[in-house]
Structure formats: C-alpha cells, structure tokens
C-alpha cells in the first residue's frame, strides 16, 4: 500500500499532465485552422501550374481616378481575391506554340463573313487587320482614321501586313490578336483573361492611388519607365525610350509585384464587357464586369475592355499607360498595338479546395505543426515534473 504521504497529488497525476498536453495540442490545431482560413487566400496553392507567372496577393484597393477620363470615375473601393498573373504579355513564340499544337486560325486570318458586314462589297471582305500608319505631317487628333488603316493580309504572323515577319521579334508581345483569339489561347493554357479589377489591382503593384505603375513622377531621374510615344503624335516619334514599335517583353523594370509592361508596349485584353458607367454600380468584391456593353461613341458595337496602353500612347492624345485608363474594342478586332496576358485563379481555402493533393498537403502541414507543438509541450511538462520530483 502506498503511504499517504508518498501519494501523488491529484493535480500532478500523469494522466492529468497528458490531458493538459492534449488540450494544448487541440488549441494549437484550432488556432492553426483559424490562421489558415484567414491567411489561406494569400498563400499560393501547391501544385499549381504557374510557370512564368507571379502570385498577386488579394487585398482591397481604390480603383479608378479622379483625374482621368469620365469612364475612370468614380474612384471606388474594390476587393479582389488572390490570383496568379503572367509576368509578361504573351509573346510571339508562346503564341506560335499554341498555334502549332492546336492548328488554331486567328480572326485576322479568316475571311470576314458577309452576314456580319451587310452592304459591304464582297471584294472588300478579305482577311486582314488594322495597322498603324503614321501620317507625313500634322493631323487633327479627333480623327483616328488619319493614322489607322485596314491592311489585307495583316495578322499575328505579319503584324504590319505582307512583307513583315516575326524574325527577331520572338520575344515581343504577340499582336493582331482579337479578344476571341486571346480567349482561345487562355483556354489552351489552362488560364483565363483577367477581370478589369484584377488587371488594375495588379498593375498598381501595391502603389495605391499613384498616377503611374512606378509612382508619382512620369520620368524619374530622366529615365523612361515604359514603351510609350515621345514626340508629336502621330507623326513624329522621338524614340526617347529606345523603341519605335513594340519592345521585347521585360525591357523595362517590373512593378512592385514583379510584373513587366503593365504600362505601355501593347494594350491588353480583359475579360469584361465595356460599359462607361459601370463603376457607379459595380460590386465591391471581385467585380466580374457588366453583363452587357455600350459605347456612346459607337452605340451599335459591343466592346470588350483593354488596359495598359501601348507604344502609341502619348499625353496629347490618350495617356492610356496610366493604371486607371480604360480602352475598348470589338471582340473580333485585331490591331498591331494590342496583345494580352493571362491569369490563373488561386488561393483556395481548405473547405473550398477540390484538389485532394492540396487538401492532403494542408492537413499534413497542420498535423506536423501540432505534432511539433505537442512534443515541445511534453518536453516542458517533463522538465517541470523533474524539477518538482514528480513521476514522469
């Protein structure tokens, strides 16, 4: 029989100590799950195919500008979820791989359907795209036909028309691609086009409310930060940034998220329909864009949003390289200053994930954390027992 004076006090019995350790472990597990739910959307999901992409951590930002065009107003608070975005615009060599593997024919390479162009003579319905053609002298800036022309035979393979090639431009952004072409590429790549809100959030690179993707000054320390037009538009290009047309992607410094050419080089297609007054009624969280389109300058044409500006943007005309600036075009239009980049959804929570591997990864991570915490608690408990001369 154990002598009463030698008995173990109830509060220090081994099973009570293990119950305490279990309670601590359970608390740690609950805390870990809570933290995953809070932080999960900002942590890239393992196993995603994200080569040459950048993780954009979701957050709130102020979308639009009080100093821009009327369709950039009102400035409004928007929350976007985390996602992946291509580091650069899709290049000619990337698009060529898509075409080679799928046999895809772009909109510009197809002969227009007479049903879509009633009243147009059949001899005028030839495959082609719109090409920039600088005039020899000054022209009125309210007539864009003075520097654009429809060029038969122009396509992504021949951006300026017959006689032009992609030789030496493999790393340049692909152009003369319609919205439909961009969507086809995105589906093939297992990605999608960004929403307008995602695009602007990513373009700002964490610099909320700044006029440029790189900050406040247009030309900090006298260095141009993007491929845009310097000189008198559209006839005189001073080439101060070193480029007459498109530039190889990543020719300029990236923004705060590590994205290149979110300003200038080529306009980029977004998923949204264009509606000038959408900001006044758009949802505050993950706005998907309107369900219809209207352009007061061309009421009969349904248009999709373009963002980012191009090598043709100049303050005397559009200043389209600002992160809040909006442009639009019909989905079947190809131009030699328009391309795109893709995004991929991410940031799944434990409950929302449909990927078994992801769920197992999360579970293993939480379990490992709890095991490590439990082991540490056991060590601390054993040390306390030894100091008090209690059984372990």
Protein backbone atom coordinates (compact mmCIF):
# COMPACT_ATOMS: atom_id res chain seq x y z
CA UNK A 1 0.00 0.00 0.00
CA UNK A 2 1.30 3.39 -0.84
CA UNK A 3 1.92 5.58 2.17
CA UNK A 4 -0.43 8.60 2.18
CA UNK A 5 2.48 10.99 2.46
CA UNK A 6 4.05 9.44 -0.64
CA UNK A 7 0.92 9.58 -2.81
CA UNK A 8 0.94 11.71 -5.97
CA UNK A 9 -1.18 14.82 -5.62
CA UNK A 10 -4.23 14.62 -7.91
CA UNK A 11 -3.20 17.74 -9.80
CA UNK A 12 0.10 16.12 -10.77
CA UNK A 13 -1.05 12.66 -11.83
CA UNK A 14 0.46 11.61 -15.20
CA UNK A 15 -2.87 11.31 -16.99
CA UNK A 16 -3.78 14.85 -15.94
CA UNK A 17 -0.49 16.08 -17.43
CA UNK A 18 -1.23 14.25 -20.70
CA UNK A 19 -4.75 15.68 -20.72
CA UNK A 20 -3.21 19.14 -20.42
CA UNK A 21 -0.83 18.41 -23.29
CA UNK A 22 -3.74 17.15 -25.41
CA UNK A 23 -5.70 20.29 -24.64
CA UNK A 24 -2.76 22.45 -25.65
CA UNK A 25 -2.36 20.46 -28.88
CA UNK A 26 -6.07 20.80 -29.64
CA UNK A 27 -5.92 24.53 -29.06
CA UNK A 28 -2.94 24.79 -31.36
CA UNK A 29 -4.79 22.82 -34.04
CA UNK A 30 -7.81 25.11 -33.81
CA UNK A 31 -5.52 28.14 -33.98
CA UNK A 32 -3.70 26.71 -37.00
CA UNK A 33 -7.01 26.06 -38.80
CA UNK A 34 -8.17 29.58 -37.96
CA UNK A 35 -4.96 31.09 -39.30
CA UNK A 36 -5.25 29.02 -42.47
CA UNK A 37 -8.76 30.31 -43.04
CA UNK A 38 -7.60 33.89 -42.53
CA UNK A 39 -4.35 33.65 -44.45
CA UNK A 40 -5.23 30.85 -46.88
CA UNK A 41 -6.34 33.09 -49.78
CA UNK A 42 -2.94 34.80 -49.70
CA UNK A 43 -0.89 31.59 -49.86
CA UNK A 44 -0.27 30.06 -53.29
CA UNK A 45 -1.84 26.61 -53.58
CA UNK A 46 0.77 23.87 -54.01
CA UNK A 47 0.99 22.04 -57.28
CA UNK A 48 -0.44 24.81 -59.46
CA UNK A 49 0.94 25.14 -62.99
CA UNK A 50 2.32 28.64 -62.67
CA UNK A 51 5.48 28.75 -64.75
CA UNK A 52 6.41 32.33 -65.68
CA UNK A 53 3.62 33.71 -63.51
CA UNK A 54 3.59 35.95 -60.44
CA UNK A 55 1.50 35.47 -57.32
CA UNK A 56 -0.73 38.50 -56.68
CA UNK A 57 -1.93 38.55 -53.03
CA UNK A 58 -5.55 39.67 -52.88
CA UNK A 59 -6.49 42.80 -51.00
CA UNK A 60 -8.54 45.99 -51.18
CA UNK A 61 -7.59 48.97 -53.31
CA UNK A 62 -9.02 52.17 -54.74
CA UNK A 63 -9.98 51.62 -58.36
CA UNK A 64 -10.28 54.43 -60.89
CA UNK A 65 -9.07 58.02 -60.93
CA UNK A 66 -10.49 61.47 -60.26
CA UNK A 67 -8.02 62.95 -62.73
CA UNK A 68 -8.69 60.70 -65.70
CA UNK A 69 -11.43 60.29 -68.26
CA UNK A 70 -15.09 60.17 -67.25
CA UNK A 71 -15.22 56.38 -67.50
CA UNK A 72 -12.48 56.12 -64.83
CA UNK A 73 -14.84 57.66 -62.26
CA UNK A 74 -15.89 57.43 -59.53
CA UNK A 75 -12.91 56.20 -57.53
CA UNK A 76 -14.28 53.27 -55.55
CA UNK A 77 -13.00 50.66 -53.11
CA UNK A 78 -12.68 47.17 -54.55
CA UNK A 79 -11.56 43.87 -53.01
CA UNK A 80 -10.03 41.19 -55.22
CA UNK A 81 -9.03 37.66 -54.28
CA UNK A 82 -5.53 36.33 -54.80
CA UNK A 83 -4.55 35.06 -58.23
CA UNK A 84 -1.61 34.29 -60.50
CA UNK A 85 -0.72 36.54 -63.42
CA UNK A 86 1.69 36.12 -66.33
CA UNK A 87 4.90 38.04 -65.67
CA UNK A 88 4.82 39.38 -69.20
CA UNK A 89 2.50 39.75 -72.13
CA UNK A 90 2.15 36.60 -74.21
CA UNK A 91 4.98 36.57 -76.73
CA UNK A 92 5.11 35.62 -80.39
CA UNK A 93 6.98 32.40 -79.62
CA UNK A 94 4.44 31.41 -76.97
CA UNK A 95 1.53 32.08 -79.30
CA UNK A 96 3.28 30.20 -82.10
CA UNK A 97 3.50 27.14 -79.85
CA UNK A 98 -0.25 27.35 -79.24
CA UNK A 99 -0.99 27.59 -82.96
CA UNK A 100 1.38 24.74 -83.78
CA UNK A 101 -0.20 22.41 -81.23
CA UNK A 102 -3.83 23.26 -81.98
CA UNK A 103 -3.91 24.39 -85.61
CA UNK A 104 -5.80 27.48 -84.50
CA UNK A 105 -6.58 30.17 -87.07
CA UNK A 106 -6.88 33.71 -85.73
CA UNK A 107 -9.71 36.09 -86.54
CA UNK A 108 -7.44 38.21 -88.77
CA UNK A 109 -6.54 35.14 -90.85
CA UNK A 110 -10.17 34.30 -91.64
CA UNK A 111 -12.17 35.86 -94.45
CA UNK A 112 -14.96 38.02 -92.96
CA UNK A 113 -18.46 36.57 -93.20
CA UNK A 114 -20.72 38.68 -95.45
CA UNK A 115 -23.56 38.16 -92.97
CA UNK A 116 -21.60 40.17 -90.40
CA UNK A 117 -20.97 43.03 -92.82
CA UNK A 118 -24.20 43.72 -94.70
CA UNK A 119 -23.81 46.16 -97.54
CA UNK A 120 -20.04 45.77 -97.84
CA UNK A 121 -18.93 44.72 -101.36
CA UNK A 122 -17.67 41.13 -101.39
CA UNK A 123 -14.35 42.16 -102.95
CA UNK A 124 -13.67 44.21 -99.81
CA UNK A 125 -14.22 41.28 -97.47
CA UNK A 126 -10.68 39.99 -97.24
CA UNK A 127 -8.71 38.63 -94.32
CA UNK A 128 -6.62 41.25 -92.57
CA UNK A 129 -6.30 43.54 -89.59
CA UNK A 130 -5.85 47.17 -88.60
CA UNK A 131 -2.36 48.66 -88.87
CA UNK A 132 -0.86 51.90 -87.58
CA UNK A 133 0.21 54.13 -90.46
CA UNK A 134 1.82 57.39 -89.29
CA UNK A 135 0.84 60.36 -91.44
CA UNK A 136 3.55 62.52 -93.04
CA UNK A 137 2.54 65.63 -91.13
CA UNK A 138 0.20 67.10 -88.54
CA UNK A 139 -3.38 65.84 -88.43
CA UNK A 140 -6.42 66.51 -86.26
CA UNK A 141 -6.39 64.23 -83.22
CA UNK A 142 -10.17 63.74 -83.31
CA UNK A 143 -9.92 61.62 -86.47
CA UNK A 144 -8.17 58.32 -85.74
CA UNK A 145 -8.67 57.21 -89.35
CA UNK A 146 -5.80 59.56 -90.13
CA UNK A 147 -3.32 57.05 -88.68
CA UNK A 148 -5.10 53.69 -88.85
CA UNK A 149 -5.86 51.62 -91.94
CA UNK A 150 -7.24 48.18 -92.66
CA UNK A 151 -4.43 46.10 -94.14
CA UNK A 152 -5.23 42.97 -96.15
CA UNK A 153 -3.04 40.07 -95.09
CA UNK A 154 -2.04 41.57 -91.74
CA UNK A 155 -2.11 39.05 -88.89
CA UNK A 156 -0.07 37.96 -85.90
CA UNK A 157 2.39 36.35 -88.33
CA UNK A 158 2.68 39.56 -90.40
CA UNK A 159 1.85 42.37 -87.94
CA UNK A 160 2.24 45.19 -90.49
CA UNK A 161 0.93 43.18 -93.43
CA UNK A 162 2.60 41.24 -96.27
CA UNK A 163 6.36 41.63 -96.22
CA UNK A 164 6.61 41.96 -92.44
CA UNK A 165 7.74 38.99 -90.36
CA UNK A 166 8.37 37.91 -86.78
CA UNK A 167 12.09 37.42 -87.36
CA UNK A 168 13.88 38.97 -84.40
CA UNK A 169 10.57 39.56 -82.64
CA UNK A 170 10.14 36.18 -80.99
CA UNK A 171 10.24 37.80 -77.54
CA UNK A 172 7.96 40.69 -78.50
CA UNK A 173 4.32 40.56 -77.43
CA UNK A 174 2.03 38.93 -79.95
CA UNK A 175 -0.27 41.47 -81.61
CA UNK A 176 -3.09 41.45 -84.15
CA UNK A 177 -4.99 39.08 -81.86
CA UNK A 178 -8.67 39.58 -81.18
CA UNK A 179 -10.39 39.04 -77.85
CA UNK A 180 -11.63 35.71 -79.22
CA UNK A 181 -8.06 34.70 -80.05
CA UNK A 182 -6.86 35.64 -76.57
CA UNK A 183 -9.65 33.60 -75.01
CA UNK A 184 -8.75 30.58 -77.15
CA UNK A 185 -5.10 30.79 -76.06
CA UNK A 186 -6.08 31.18 -72.39
CA UNK A 187 -8.28 28.08 -72.50
CA UNK A 188 -5.48 26.09 -74.13
CA UNK A 189 -3.04 27.24 -71.45
CA UNK A 190 -5.44 26.35 -68.62
CA UNK A 191 -5.78 30.00 -67.70
CA UNK A 192 -8.18 32.88 -68.33
CA UNK A 193 -8.19 36.58 -69.11
CA UNK A 194 -8.08 38.91 -66.09
CA UNK A 195 -11.09 40.88 -65.00
CA UNK A 196 -10.67 44.62 -65.28
CA UNK A 197 -10.45 44.91 -61.49
CA UNK A 198 -7.77 42.21 -61.27
CA UNK A 199 -5.81 43.89 -64.01
CA UNK A 200 -5.80 47.34 -62.39
CA UNK A 201 -5.01 45.93 -58.93
CA UNK A 202 -2.05 44.00 -60.32
CA UNK A 203 -0.85 46.92 -62.45
CA UNK A 204 -0.65 49.21 -59.44
CA UNK A 205 1.81 46.83 -57.80
CA UNK A 206 0.86 47.97 -54.31
CA UNK A 207 1.11 51.69 -55.11
CA UNK A 208 -2.46 52.59 -54.31
CA UNK A 209 -3.67 55.84 -55.83
CA UNK A 210 -0.48 56.66 -57.75
CA UNK A 211 -0.78 58.03 -61.31
CA UNK A 212 1.75 55.57 -62.77
CA UNK A 213 2.60 51.94 -62.15
CA UNK A 214 6.02 53.04 -60.89
CA UNK A 215 4.94 56.01 -58.72
CA UNK A 216 4.32 59.76 -58.96
CA UNK A 217 6.87 61.02 -61.47
CA UNK A 218 6.43 60.31 -65.17
CA UNK A 219 10.17 60.23 -65.90
CA UNK A 220 12.03 59.68 -62.60
CA UNK A 221 15.69 60.71 -62.83
CA UNK A 222 15.16 61.37 -66.52
CA UNK A 223 14.58 57.68 -67.34
CA UNK A 224 11.52 56.47 -69.23
CA UNK A 225 9.81 53.62 -67.40
CA UNK A 226 7.67 52.25 -70.23
CA UNK A 227 7.48 51.90 -74.01
CA UNK A 228 5.21 54.79 -74.97
CA UNK A 229 5.27 57.58 -77.57
CA UNK A 230 7.63 60.51 -77.10
CA UNK A 231 7.34 63.37 -79.56
CA UNK A 232 4.43 64.79 -81.51
CA UNK A 233 1.74 62.16 -82.03
CA UNK A 234 1.08 60.59 -84.50
CA UNK A 235 3.70 61.84 -86.97
CA UNK A 236 6.92 62.35 -85.00
CA UNK A 237 8.30 59.68 -82.66
CA UNK A 238 11.38 60.91 -80.78
CA UNK A 239 12.26 57.34 -79.71
CA UNK A 240 13.47 58.59 -76.32
CA UNK A 241 12.63 55.21 -74.78
CA UNK A 242 14.60 53.40 -77.47
CA UNK A 243 11.71 51.78 -79.35
CA UNK A 244 9.70 52.71 -82.42
CA UNK A 245 7.19 49.89 -82.16
CA UNK A 246 6.78 47.02 -79.73
CA UNK A 247 9.67 46.17 -77.43
CA UNK A 248 10.80 42.75 -76.23
CA UNK A 249 8.84 41.91 -73.10
CA UNK A 250 10.54 42.82 -69.82
CA UNK A 251 12.62 45.57 -71.43
CA UNK A 252 11.74 47.88 -68.55
CA UNK A 253 11.78 47.42 -64.79
CA UNK A 254 8.88 45.45 -63.25
CA UNK A 255 6.31 46.95 -60.92
CA UNK A 256 6.01 46.17 -57.22
CA UNK A 257 4.55 42.72 -57.88
CA UNK A 258 7.24 41.73 -60.37
CA UNK A 259 5.04 42.24 -63.45
CA UNK A 260 6.52 43.67 -66.63
CA UNK A 261 4.98 46.08 -69.13
CA UNK A 262 1.79 46.77 -67.22
CA UNK A 263 2.25 50.23 -68.68
CA UNK A 264 2.82 50.73 -72.39
CA UNK A 265 4.13 48.32 -75.06
CA UNK A 266 0.72 46.88 -76.05
CA UNK A 267 -2.86 47.18 -74.88
CA UNK A 268 -4.04 44.05 -73.08
CA UNK A 269 -7.45 42.41 -73.41
CA UNK A 270 -9.52 41.92 -70.25
CA UNK A 271 -12.48 39.60 -69.74
CA UNK A 272 -15.04 42.36 -69.11
CA UNK A 273 -17.57 43.96 -71.39
CA UNK A 274 -17.06 47.71 -71.64
CA UNK A 275 -19.63 49.96 -70.01
CA UNK A 276 -18.56 53.56 -69.27
CA UNK A 277 -20.70 54.00 -66.14
CA UNK A 278 -20.06 50.56 -64.61
CA UNK A 279 -18.04 51.89 -61.67
CA UNK A 280 -21.09 53.60 -60.18
CA UNK A 281 -22.89 50.29 -59.63
CA UNK A 282 -20.18 47.60 -59.71
CA UNK A 283 -19.88 45.14 -56.79
CA UNK A 284 -17.23 45.98 -54.21
CA UNK A 285 -15.83 42.44 -54.12
CA UNK A 286 -14.42 40.70 -57.19
CA UNK A 287 -16.45 42.68 -59.74
CA UNK A 288 -16.93 40.44 -62.80
CA UNK A 289 -17.77 43.27 -65.17
CA UNK A 290 -21.19 44.15 -66.62
CA UNK A 291 -23.40 41.67 -68.45
CA UNK A 292 -23.71 43.93 -71.48
CA UNK A 293 -21.75 46.55 -73.38
CA UNK A 294 -22.41 50.08 -74.56
CA UNK A 295 -20.06 52.63 -76.08
CA UNK A 296 -21.67 56.05 -76.60
CA UNK A 297 -19.13 56.77 -79.33
CA UNK A 298 -20.28 53.70 -81.28
CA UNK A 299 -23.67 52.65 -79.88
CA UNK A 300 -24.17 49.67 -82.18
CA UNK A 301 -20.89 47.94 -81.33
CA UNK A 302 -20.43 45.65 -78.34
CA UNK A 303 -16.92 46.01 -76.94
CA UNK A 304 -14.52 44.40 -74.51
CA UNK A 305 -12.15 46.24 -72.18
CA UNK A 306 -8.47 46.78 -72.93
CA UNK A 307 -5.93 48.04 -70.39
CA UNK A 308 -2.34 49.22 -70.07
CA UNK A 309 -1.74 51.49 -73.02
CA UNK A 310 0.76 50.90 -75.81
CA UNK A 311 3.80 52.21 -77.60
CA UNK A 312 1.45 54.68 -79.32
CA UNK A 313 0.18 56.32 -76.12
CA UNK A 314 1.01 59.98 -75.74
CA UNK A 315 -0.26 62.62 -73.29
CA UNK A 316 -1.53 64.74 -76.17
CA UNK A 317 -3.97 62.00 -77.14
CA UNK A 318 -4.88 59.28 -74.62
CA UNK A 319 -2.40 58.86 -71.71
CA UNK A 320 -3.54 55.25 -71.81
CA UNK A 321 -0.47 53.97 -69.98
CA UNK A 322 -1.87 55.12 -66.62
CA UNK A 323 -3.11 52.15 -64.50
CA UNK A 324 -6.64 53.56 -64.31
CA UNK A 325 -7.01 54.31 -68.04
CA UNK A 326 -9.61 52.29 -69.96
CA UNK A 327 -9.87 51.42 -73.64
CA UNK A 328 -12.30 49.24 -75.56
CA UNK A 329 -12.67 47.43 -78.86
CA UNK A 330 -14.96 44.91 -80.51
CA UNK A 331 -14.04 41.29 -79.69
CA UNK A 332 -13.23 40.46 -83.33
CA UNK A 333 -10.77 43.31 -83.81
CA UNK A 334 -7.03 42.84 -84.26
CA UNK A 335 -4.60 45.76 -84.06
CA UNK A 336 -0.83 45.92 -84.14
CA UNK A 337 -0.68 47.57 -80.72
CA UNK A 338 -2.92 45.07 -78.90
CA UNK A 339 -1.99 41.83 -77.14
CA UNK A 340 -2.82 40.16 -73.83
CA UNK A 341 -1.62 38.27 -70.79
CA UNK A 342 -3.38 35.59 -68.73
CA UNK A 343 -4.22 34.91 -65.11
CA UNK A 344 -4.99 31.82 -63.09
CA UNK A 345 -7.25 31.67 -60.05
CA UNK A 346 -5.63 30.66 -56.78
CA UNK A 347 -5.71 30.95 -53.01
CA UNK A 348 -8.15 28.12 -52.27
CA UNK A 349 -9.19 27.58 -48.67
CA UNK A 350 -9.21 24.14 -47.06
CA UNK A 351 -13.01 23.80 -47.38
CA UNK A 352 -13.18 25.19 -50.92
CA UNK A 353 -10.33 23.16 -52.36
CA UNK A 354 -11.44 20.37 -54.68
CA UNK A 355 -7.94 19.13 -55.18
CA UNK A 356 -7.24 16.10 -52.99
CA UNK A 357 -3.49 16.68 -53.11
CA UNK A 358 -3.95 20.23 -51.88
CA UNK A 359 -6.17 19.12 -49.02
CA UNK A 360 -3.68 16.45 -48.02
CA UNK A 361 -0.86 18.99 -48.16
CA UNK A 362 -2.78 21.34 -45.87
CA UNK A 363 -3.69 18.54 -43.49
CA UNK A 364 -0.09 17.31 -43.35
CA UNK A 365 1.16 20.83 -42.66
CA UNK A 366 -1.32 21.37 -39.82
CA UNK A 367 -0.66 17.92 -38.39
CA UNK A 368 3.11 18.48 -38.44
CA UNK A 369 2.71 21.82 -36.68
CA UNK A 370 0.56 20.24 -33.97
CA UNK A 371 2.95 17.30 -33.51
CA UNK A 372 5.88 19.66 -33.12
CA UNK A 373 3.90 21.81 -30.69
CA UNK A 374 2.79 18.73 -28.72
CA UNK A 375 6.36 17.46 -28.49
CA UNK A 376 7.52 20.82 -27.19
CA UNK A 377 4.71 20.82 -24.61
CA UNK A 378 5.66 17.32 -23.47
CA UNK A 379 9.28 18.37 -23.01
CA UNK A 380 8.25 21.36 -20.96
CA UNK A 381 5.91 19.18 -18.83
CA UNK A 382 8.62 16.57 -18.23
CA UNK A 383 11.09 19.25 -17.16
CA UNK A 384 8.54 20.69 -14.75
CA UNK A 385 7.92 17.23 -13.22
CA UNK A 386 11.64 16.63 -12.79
CA UNK A 387 12.08 19.96 -11.03
CA UNK A 388 9.25 19.04 -8.62
CA UNK A 389 10.47 15.48 -8.14
CA UNK A 390 7.26 14.04 -9.61
CA UNK A 391 6.90 10.84 -11.67
CA UNK A 392 7.13 11.37 -15.44
